[in-house]
Amino acid sequence: MTALKEFQKDGNQYVMKRQYGFGLLVVGGMLAFTIGGIYYKNTTVIWVFGILSIICFMAIWSQRFVIDLDRNEFIIKNGLINKPVQIPFADFVNFELVKIKHYLITTNVCLNLYYMKNNKEKCTGVAQAFTTKSIQRLINEINEIVKLNEHSRKI
């Protein structure tokens, strides 16, 4: 197995490193509005965007994606309020890469994970980036990690 760039090994768990790129861009935009509110002495803008930027940063900080090879499952935590979702490898269906373009410029690339729960197909987000290459590298590393466990399913 090659050296992992997107994950850190913690025992028999692989934890995805935090991805700050897209989230910090949003937080930076909100902080710019907060600074603009300070400059124009608009307390409503200061409070609204200041609090929203703090909440968004906390949501970015709490986001997690873990591959647990002992329990044969993915553990995904998105957002600030949502509970972690535990997805057994047996319930995994596939990954979906969504690429959003505006006037030939890629603005967002998302990686979603589809799984079965109570005979219904569900979806949860795994990662966001600006390039397809970084998401493809993430998918390749997930595939290598799951192959370590000699899971018969192909991702």
N, C-alpha and C. Protein backbone atom coordinates (compact mmCIF):
# COMPACT_ATOMS: atom_id res chain seq x y z
N MET A 1 0.84 -1.18 0.00
CA MET A 1 0.00 0.00 0.00
C MET A 1 0.89 1.25 0.00
N THR A 2 0.54 2.21 -0.82
CA THR A 2 1.30 3.45 -0.88
C THR A 2 0.97 4.33 0.32
N ALA A 3 1.76 5.36 0.52
CA ALA A 3 1.52 6.28 1.63
C ALA A 3 0.21 7.03 1.41
N LEU A 4 -0.56 7.14 2.45
CA LEU A 4 -1.87 7.79 2.35
C LEU A 4 -1.71 9.30 2.46
N LYS A 5 -2.39 10.02 1.57
CA LYS A 5 -2.36 11.48 1.61
C LYS A 5 -3.64 12.05 2.21
N GLU A 6 -4.74 11.32 2.09
CA GLU A 6 -6.03 11.83 2.53
C GLU A 6 -6.47 11.27 3.89
N PHE A 7 -5.83 10.21 4.36
CA PHE A 7 -6.25 9.54 5.59
C PHE A 7 -5.09 9.43 6.57
N GLN A 8 -5.46 9.31 7.85
CA GLN A 8 -4.50 9.01 8.91
C GLN A 8 -4.93 7.69 9.53
N LYS A 9 -3.96 6.83 9.78
CA LYS A 9 -4.27 5.53 10.38
C LYS A 9 -4.25 5.67 11.90
N ASP A 10 -5.34 5.20 12.54
CA ASP A 10 -5.46 5.22 14.00
C ASP A 10 -5.88 3.81 14.42
N GLY A 11 -4.89 2.96 14.69
CA GLY A 11 -5.20 1.56 15.00
C GLY A 11 -5.67 0.88 13.73
N ASN A 12 -6.86 0.33 13.76
CA ASN A 12 -7.45 -0.30 12.58
C ASN A 12 -8.54 0.58 11.98
N GLN A 13 -8.48 1.88 12.28
CA GLN A 13 -9.39 2.86 11.71
C GLN A 13 -8.59 3.82 10.84
N TYR A 14 -9.20 4.24 9.77
CA TYR A 14 -8.60 5.23 8.89
C TYR A 14 -9.49 6.47 8.93
N VAL A 15 -8.93 7.57 9.41
CA VAL A 15 -9.68 8.81 9.58
C VAL A 15 -9.25 9.78 8.49
N MET A 16 -10.24 10.30 7.75
CA MET A 16 -9.92 11.25 6.69
C MET A 16 -9.48 12.58 7.31
N LYS A 17 -8.41 13.13 6.75
CA LYS A 17 -7.93 14.42 7.22
C LYS A 17 -8.98 15.48 6.90
N ARG A 18 -9.04 16.50 7.74
CA ARG A 18 -10.03 17.56 7.53
C ARG A 18 -9.74 18.29 6.23
N GLN A 19 -10.82 18.64 5.55
CA GLN A 19 -10.71 19.38 4.30
C GLN A 19 -11.24 20.78 4.54
N TYR A 20 -10.36 21.73 4.53
CA TYR A 20 -10.73 23.09 4.87
C TYR A 20 -11.04 23.96 3.64
N GLY A 21 -10.61 23.57 2.47
CA GLY A 21 -10.67 24.43 1.29
C GLY A 21 -12.00 25.11 1.05
N PHE A 22 -13.02 24.35 0.71
CA PHE A 22 -14.31 24.92 0.34
C PHE A 22 -14.99 25.58 1.54
N GLY A 23 -14.93 24.94 2.69
CA GLY A 23 -15.57 25.49 3.89
C GLY A 23 -14.96 26.79 4.35
N LEU A 24 -13.63 26.86 4.30
CA LEU A 24 -12.98 28.10 4.72
C LEU A 24 -13.24 29.24 3.74
N LEU A 25 -13.50 28.91 2.49
CA LEU A 25 -13.87 29.93 1.52
C LEU A 25 -15.22 30.55 1.92
N VAL A 26 -16.16 29.71 2.32
CA VAL A 26 -17.47 30.20 2.77
C VAL A 26 -17.32 31.01 4.06
N VAL A 27 -16.55 30.50 5.02
CA VAL A 27 -16.34 31.22 6.28
C VAL A 27 -15.63 32.55 6.00
N GLY A 28 -14.67 32.54 5.11
CA GLY A 28 -13.98 33.79 4.76
C GLY A 28 -14.92 34.82 4.15
N GLY A 29 -15.85 34.36 3.31
CA GLY A 29 -16.84 35.27 2.74
C GLY A 29 -17.74 35.88 3.81
N MET A 30 -18.15 35.06 4.77
CA MET A 30 -18.98 35.58 5.87
C MET A 30 -18.20 36.54 6.75
N LEU A 31 -16.93 36.23 6.98
CA LEU A 31 -16.10 37.16 7.76
C LEU A 31 -15.90 38.48 7.02
N ALA A 32 -15.84 38.43 5.68
CA ALA A 32 -15.73 39.67 4.91
C ALA A 32 -16.98 40.53 5.10
N PHE A 33 -18.16 39.90 5.13
CA PHE A 33 -19.38 40.65 5.40
C PHE A 33 -19.38 41.22 6.82
N THR A 34 -18.84 40.44 7.76
CA THR A 34 -18.75 40.92 9.15
C THR A 34 -17.84 42.14 9.22
N ILE A 35 -16.70 42.08 8.56
CA ILE A 35 -15.77 43.22 8.55
C ILE A 35 -16.41 44.41 7.84
N GLY A 36 -17.15 44.15 6.78
CA GLY A 36 -17.89 45.23 6.10
C GLY A 36 -18.91 45.86 7.03
N GLY A 37 -19.58 45.04 7.85
CA GLY A 37 -20.52 45.57 8.83
C GLY A 37 -19.83 46.43 9.87
N ILE A 38 -18.62 46.04 10.26
CA ILE A 38 -17.85 46.84 11.21
C ILE A 38 -17.46 48.19 10.57
N TYR A 39 -17.04 48.12 9.32
CA TYR A 39 -16.63 49.33 8.61
C TYR A 39 -17.79 50.31 8.45
N TYR A 40 -18.98 49.78 8.12
CA TYR A 40 -20.17 50.63 7.92
C TYR A 40 -21.00 50.81 9.19
N LYS A 41 -20.51 50.26 10.31
CA LYS A 41 -21.17 50.37 11.62
C LYS A 41 -22.61 49.87 11.59
N ASN A 42 -22.80 48.71 10.97
CA ASN A 42 -24.11 48.07 10.91
C ASN A 42 -24.09 46.87 11.85
N THR A 43 -24.66 47.03 13.04
CA THR A 43 -24.58 45.98 14.06
C THR A 43 -25.34 44.72 13.67
N THR A 44 -26.41 44.84 12.92
CA THR A 44 -27.17 43.66 12.50
C THR A 44 -26.30 42.76 11.63
N VAL A 45 -25.62 43.34 10.66
CA VAL A 45 -24.75 42.58 9.77
C VAL A 45 -23.60 41.96 10.57
N ILE A 46 -23.06 42.72 11.50
CA ILE A 46 -21.96 42.21 12.32
C ILE A 46 -22.40 40.97 13.09
N TRP A 47 -23.52 41.05 13.77
CA TRP A 47 -23.99 39.92 14.58
C TRP A 47 -24.40 38.73 13.73
N VAL A 48 -25.18 38.97 12.69
CA VAL A 48 -25.68 37.86 11.86
C VAL A 48 -24.52 37.12 11.21
N PHE A 49 -23.66 37.83 10.49
CA PHE A 49 -22.59 37.15 9.77
C PHE A 49 -21.48 36.69 10.70
N GLY A 50 -21.26 37.37 11.81
CA GLY A 50 -20.28 36.90 12.78
C GLY A 50 -20.68 35.58 13.39
N ILE A 51 -21.94 35.47 13.80
CA ILE A 51 -22.43 34.22 14.38
C ILE A 51 -22.48 33.11 13.34
N LEU A 52 -22.93 33.43 12.12
CA LEU A 52 -22.96 32.41 11.06
C LEU A 52 -21.56 31.90 10.71
N SER A 53 -20.57 32.78 10.70
CA SER A 53 -19.21 32.32 10.39
C SER A 53 -18.68 31.41 11.49
N ILE A 54 -18.99 31.70 12.74
CA ILE A 54 -18.56 30.83 13.84
C ILE A 54 -19.25 29.47 13.75
N ILE A 55 -20.56 29.46 13.48
CA ILE A 55 -21.30 28.20 13.36
C ILE A 55 -20.78 27.37 12.19
N CYS A 56 -20.52 28.02 11.06
CA CYS A 56 -19.99 27.29 9.89
C CYS A 56 -18.61 26.71 10.18
N PHE A 57 -17.77 27.46 10.88
CA PHE A 57 -16.44 26.93 11.20
C PHE A 57 -16.56 25.73 12.13
N MET A 58 -17.47 25.79 13.10
CA MET A 58 -17.66 24.65 14.01
C MET A 58 -18.19 23.44 13.24
N ALA A 59 -19.04 23.66 12.25
CA ALA A 59 -19.56 22.56 11.43
C ALA A 59 -18.44 21.92 10.61
N ILE A 60 -17.55 22.73 10.08
CA ILE A 60 -16.40 22.21 9.33
C ILE A 60 -15.51 21.39 10.26
N TRP A 61 -15.29 21.89 11.46
CA TRP A 61 -14.43 21.22 12.42
C TRP A 61 -15.00 19.88 12.87
N SER A 62 -16.34 19.76 12.95
CA SER A 62 -16.95 18.53 13.46
C SER A 62 -17.16 17.47 12.37
N GLN A 63 -16.94 17.80 11.11
CA GLN A 63 -17.15 16.85 10.02
C GLN A 63 -16.09 15.75 10.07
N ARG A 64 -16.52 14.47 9.91
CA ARG A 64 -15.61 13.33 9.97
C ARG A 64 -16.02 12.25 8.97
N PHE A 65 -15.02 11.52 8.50
CA PHE A 65 -15.24 10.32 7.69
C PHE A 65 -14.22 9.30 8.16
N VAL A 66 -14.70 8.16 8.66
CA VAL A 66 -13.84 7.12 9.23
C VAL A 66 -14.16 5.80 8.55
N ILE A 67 -13.12 5.06 8.20
CA ILE A 67 -13.28 3.68 7.72
C ILE A 67 -12.79 2.78 8.84
N ASP A 68 -13.70 2.04 9.45
CA ASP A 68 -13.39 1.17 10.58
C ASP A 68 -13.31 -0.26 10.05
N LEU A 69 -12.09 -0.81 9.99
CA LEU A 69 -11.92 -2.16 9.45
C LEU A 69 -12.25 -3.23 10.48
N ASP A 70 -12.25 -2.90 11.77
CA ASP A 70 -12.64 -3.88 12.79
C ASP A 70 -14.13 -4.18 12.71
N ARG A 71 -14.92 -3.12 12.55
CA ARG A 71 -16.38 -3.28 12.51
C ARG A 71 -16.92 -3.33 11.09
N ASN A 72 -16.05 -3.25 10.09
CA ASN A 72 -16.44 -3.29 8.68
C ASN A 72 -17.52 -2.27 8.35
N GLU A 73 -17.21 -0.99 8.62
CA GLU A 73 -18.20 0.04 8.34
C GLU A 73 -17.54 1.38 8.08
N PHE A 74 -18.31 2.23 7.40
CA PHE A 74 -17.97 3.63 7.23
C PHE A 74 -18.70 4.40 8.31
N ILE A 75 -18.05 5.39 8.89
CA ILE A 75 -18.69 6.27 9.86
C ILE A 75 -18.57 7.69 9.32
N ILE A 76 -19.73 8.32 9.08
CA ILE A 76 -19.74 9.65 8.47
C ILE A 76 -20.50 10.60 9.38
N LYS A 77 -19.87 11.73 9.68
CA LYS A 77 -20.52 12.79 10.47
C LYS A 77 -20.46 14.07 9.65
N ASN A 78 -21.61 14.55 9.23
CA ASN A 78 -21.71 15.79 8.47
C ASN A 78 -22.44 16.83 9.28
N GLY A 79 -21.98 18.03 9.25
CA GLY A 79 -22.67 19.12 9.91
C GLY A 79 -22.47 19.15 11.41
N LEU A 80 -23.16 20.08 12.03
CA LEU A 80 -22.99 20.33 13.45
C LEU A 80 -23.98 19.54 14.28
N ILE A 81 -25.20 19.39 13.80
CA ILE A 81 -26.27 18.80 14.59
C ILE A 81 -26.49 17.32 14.27
N ASN A 82 -26.22 16.91 13.04
CA ASN A 82 -26.49 15.53 12.62
C ASN A 82 -25.68 14.52 13.42
N LYS A 83 -26.31 13.37 13.67
CA LYS A 83 -25.61 12.27 14.34
C LYS A 83 -24.71 11.56 13.33
N PRO A 84 -23.66 10.90 13.80
CA PRO A 84 -22.83 10.11 12.88
C PRO A 84 -23.64 8.96 12.27
N VAL A 85 -23.44 8.73 10.98
CA VAL A 85 -24.11 7.64 10.28
C VAL A 85 -23.12 6.49 10.16
N GLN A 86 -23.52 5.31 10.62
CA GLN A 86 -22.67 4.12 10.52
C GLN A 86 -23.21 3.25 9.40
N ILE A 87 -22.38 3.03 8.39
CA ILE A 87 -22.80 2.29 7.20
C ILE A 87 -21.94 1.04 7.08
N PRO A 88 -22.52 -0.14 7.31
CA PRO A 88 -21.75 -1.39 7.12
C PRO A 88 -21.34 -1.55 5.65
N PHE A 89 -20.20 -2.18 5.44
CA PHE A 89 -19.74 -2.41 4.07
C PHE A 89 -20.79 -3.17 3.26
N ALA A 90 -21.53 -4.06 3.90
CA ALA A 90 -22.54 -4.86 3.20
C ALA A 90 -23.68 -4.00 2.67
N ASP A 91 -23.95 -2.84 3.30
CA ASP A 91 -25.03 -1.96 2.86
C ASP A 91 -24.58 -0.93 1.84
N PHE A 92 -23.28 -0.85 1.60
CA PHE A 92 -22.72 0.11 0.65
C PHE A 92 -23.20 -0.22 -0.75
N VAL A 93 -23.64 0.80 -1.50
CA VAL A 93 -24.08 0.61 -2.88
C VAL A 93 -23.02 1.14 -3.85
N ASN A 94 -22.74 2.44 -3.82
CA ASN A 94 -21.72 3.01 -4.69
C ASN A 94 -21.40 4.44 -4.29
N PHE A 95 -20.38 4.99 -4.95
CA PHE A 95 -20.03 6.40 -4.79
C PHE A 95 -20.57 7.16 -5.99
N GLU A 96 -20.85 8.43 -5.77
CA GLU A 96 -21.27 9.31 -6.86
C GLU A 96 -20.42 10.56 -6.80
N LEU A 97 -19.85 10.92 -7.92
CA LEU A 97 -19.07 12.13 -8.03
C LEU A 97 -19.91 13.16 -8.76
N VAL A 98 -20.19 14.28 -8.12
CA VAL A 98 -21.01 15.33 -8.72
C VAL A 98 -20.12 16.53 -8.99
N LYS A 99 -20.12 16.96 -10.24
CA LYS A 99 -19.26 18.07 -10.65
C LYS A 99 -20.17 19.22 -11.11
N ILE A 100 -20.02 20.38 -10.49
CA ILE A 100 -20.85 21.53 -10.82
C ILE A 100 -20.00 22.54 -11.58
N LYS A 101 -20.49 22.92 -12.76
CA LYS A 101 -19.77 23.87 -13.60
C LYS A 101 -20.67 25.06 -13.91
N HIS A 102 -20.06 26.23 -13.96
CA HIS A 102 -20.73 27.45 -14.39
C HIS A 102 -19.88 28.07 -15.49
N TYR A 103 -20.42 28.12 -16.69
CA TYR A 103 -19.72 28.70 -17.83
C TYR A 103 -18.32 28.11 -17.99
N LEU A 104 -18.24 26.80 -18.05
CA LEU A 104 -17.02 26.03 -18.27
C LEU A 104 -16.01 26.12 -17.13
N ILE A 105 -16.39 26.69 -16.00
CA ILE A 105 -15.51 26.76 -14.84
C ILE A 105 -16.08 25.85 -13.76
N THR A 106 -15.28 24.88 -13.31
CA THR A 106 -15.73 23.98 -12.24
C THR A 106 -15.75 24.75 -10.93
N THR A 107 -16.91 24.79 -10.28
CA THR A 107 -17.03 25.53 -9.02
C THR A 107 -17.07 24.61 -7.81
N ASN A 108 -17.49 23.35 -7.99
CA ASN A 108 -17.58 22.45 -6.85
C ASN A 108 -17.61 21.01 -7.35
N VAL A 109 -16.93 20.13 -6.64
CA VAL A 109 -16.96 18.70 -6.91
C VAL A 109 -17.28 18.01 -5.59
N CYS A 110 -18.33 17.18 -5.58
CA CYS A 110 -18.77 16.51 -4.35
C CYS A 110 -18.65 15.00 -4.52
N LEU A 111 -18.34 14.33 -3.42
CA LEU A 111 -18.34 12.87 -3.39
C LEU A 111 -19.44 12.43 -2.44
N ASN A 112 -20.41 11.70 -2.97
CA ASN A 112 -21.53 11.19 -2.19
C ASN A 112 -21.43 9.67 -2.08
N LEU A 113 -21.91 9.13 -0.98
CA LEU A 113 -21.91 7.69 -0.76
C LEU A 113 -23.36 7.23 -0.67
N TYR A 114 -23.72 6.26 -1.49
CA TYR A 114 -25.07 5.68 -1.48
C TYR A 114 -25.04 4.36 -0.72
N TYR A 115 -26.08 4.13 0.08
CA TYR A 115 -26.18 2.91 0.86
C TYR A 115 -27.65 2.54 1.04
N MET A 116 -27.87 1.29 1.44
CA MET A 116 -29.24 0.80 1.67
C MET A 116 -29.53 0.81 3.16
N LYS A 117 -30.72 1.31 3.52
CA LYS A 117 -31.18 1.28 4.90
C LYS A 117 -32.68 1.07 4.88
N ASN A 118 -33.13 0.01 5.54
CA ASN A 118 -34.56 -0.35 5.56
C ASN A 118 -35.12 -0.49 4.15
N ASN A 119 -34.36 -1.15 3.28
CA ASN A 119 -34.73 -1.39 1.88
C ASN A 119 -34.95 -0.11 1.08
N LYS A 120 -34.36 0.97 1.51
CA LYS A 120 -34.42 2.23 0.77
C LYS A 120 -33.00 2.72 0.54
N GLU A 121 -32.78 3.29 -0.63
CA GLU A 121 -31.46 3.82 -0.95
C GLU A 121 -31.32 5.21 -0.33
N LYS A 122 -30.24 5.42 0.42
CA LYS A 122 -29.97 6.69 1.09
C LYS A 122 -28.65 7.23 0.56
N CYS A 123 -28.44 8.52 0.77
CA CYS A 123 -27.23 9.17 0.30
C CYS A 123 -26.68 10.09 1.39
N THR A 124 -25.37 10.14 1.50
CA THR A 124 -24.73 11.08 2.41
C THR A 124 -23.45 11.60 1.76
N GLY A 125 -23.10 12.83 2.08
CA GLY A 125 -21.90 13.44 1.52
C GLY A 125 -20.66 12.96 2.24
N VAL A 126 -19.59 12.84 1.49
CA VAL A 126 -18.31 12.42 2.06
C VAL A 126 -17.31 13.58 2.01
N ALA A 127 -17.19 14.24 0.87
CA ALA A 127 -16.18 15.28 0.72
C ALA A 127 -16.58 16.26 -0.37
N GLN A 128 -15.96 17.44 -0.34
CA GLN A 128 -16.10 18.45 -1.37
C GLN A 128 -14.72 18.95 -1.74
N ALA A 129 -14.58 19.37 -2.98
CA ALA A 129 -13.30 19.91 -3.44
C ALA A 129 -13.55 20.81 -4.64
N PHE A 130 -12.49 21.39 -5.15
CA PHE A 130 -12.59 22.22 -6.33
C PHE A 130 -12.19 21.48 -7.59
N THR A 131 -11.48 20.34 -7.45
CA THR A 131 -11.02 19.60 -8.61
C THR A 131 -11.46 18.14 -8.56
N THR A 132 -11.67 17.58 -9.71
CA THR A 132 -12.02 16.17 -9.81
C THR A 132 -10.85 15.29 -9.41
N LYS A 133 -9.64 15.76 -9.68
CA LYS A 133 -8.44 14.98 -9.38
C LYS A 133 -8.32 14.67 -7.88
N SER A 134 -8.60 15.64 -7.03
CA SER A 134 -8.49 15.41 -5.59
C SER A 134 -9.55 14.43 -5.10
N ILE A 135 -10.75 14.50 -5.65
CA ILE A 135 -11.80 13.55 -5.27
C ILE A 135 -11.47 12.16 -5.79
N GLN A 136 -10.91 12.06 -6.99
CA GLN A 136 -10.52 10.77 -7.54
C GLN A 136 -9.42 10.13 -6.71
N ARG A 137 -8.48 10.96 -6.23
CA ARG A 137 -7.42 10.45 -5.34
C ARG A 137 -8.03 9.92 -4.04
N LEU A 138 -9.04 10.60 -3.53
CA LEU A 138 -9.74 10.16 -2.32
C LEU A 138 -10.44 8.82 -2.55
N ILE A 139 -11.12 8.67 -3.67
CA ILE A 139 -11.79 7.40 -4.00
C ILE A 139 -10.77 6.27 -4.12
N ASN A 140 -9.63 6.54 -4.76
CA ASN A 140 -8.60 5.51 -4.90
C ASN A 140 -8.06 5.07 -3.53
N GLU A 141 -7.87 6.02 -2.62
CA GLU A 141 -7.39 5.65 -1.29
C GLU A 141 -8.43 4.85 -0.51
N ILE A 142 -9.70 5.22 -0.63
CA ILE A 142 -10.76 4.45 0.02
C ILE A 142 -10.76 3.03 -0.52
N ASN A 143 -10.60 2.89 -1.82
CA ASN A 143 -10.56 1.57 -2.44
C ASN A 143 -9.38 0.75 -1.92
N GLU A 144 -8.20 1.37 -1.76
CA GLU A 144 -7.04 0.66 -1.23
C GLU A 144 -7.26 0.22 0.21
N ILE A 145 -7.86 1.09 1.02
CA ILE A 145 -8.10 0.76 2.42
C ILE A 145 -9.08 -0.39 2.55
N VAL A 146 -10.15 -0.36 1.77
CA VAL A 146 -11.15 -1.43 1.85
C VAL A 146 -10.56 -2.74 1.32
N LYS A 147 -9.67 -2.68 0.33
CA LYS A 147 -9.00 -3.89 -0.16
C LYS A 147 -8.11 -4.50 0.90
N LEU A 148 -7.57 -3.69 1.80
CA LEU A 148 -6.76 -4.21 2.90
C LEU A 148 -7.54 -5.20 3.75
N ASN A 149 -8.82 -4.95 3.86
CA ASN A 149 -9.68 -5.80 4.66
C ASN A 149 -10.16 -7.01 3.87
N GLU A 150 -9.71 -7.13 2.63
CA GLU A 150 -10.09 -8.21 1.73
C GLU A 150 -11.60 -8.32 1.60
N HIS A 151 -12.21 -7.15 1.49
CA HIS A 151 -13.66 -7.10 1.27
C HIS A 151 -13.90 -7.46 -0.18
N SER A 152 -14.85 -8.33 -0.43
CA SER A 152 -15.05 -8.87 -1.76
C SER A 152 -15.71 -7.85 -2.70
N ARG A 153 -16.32 -6.83 -2.16
CA ARG A 153 -17.03 -5.87 -2.98
C ARG A 153 -16.07 -4.90 -3.64
N LYS A 154 -16.33 -4.52 -4.82
CA LYS A 154 -15.48 -3.58 -5.51
C LYS A 154 -16.10 -2.20 -5.38
N ILE A 155 -15.28 -1.23 -5.04
CA ILE A 155 -15.78 0.14 -4.91
C ILE A 155 -15.43 0.91 -6.15
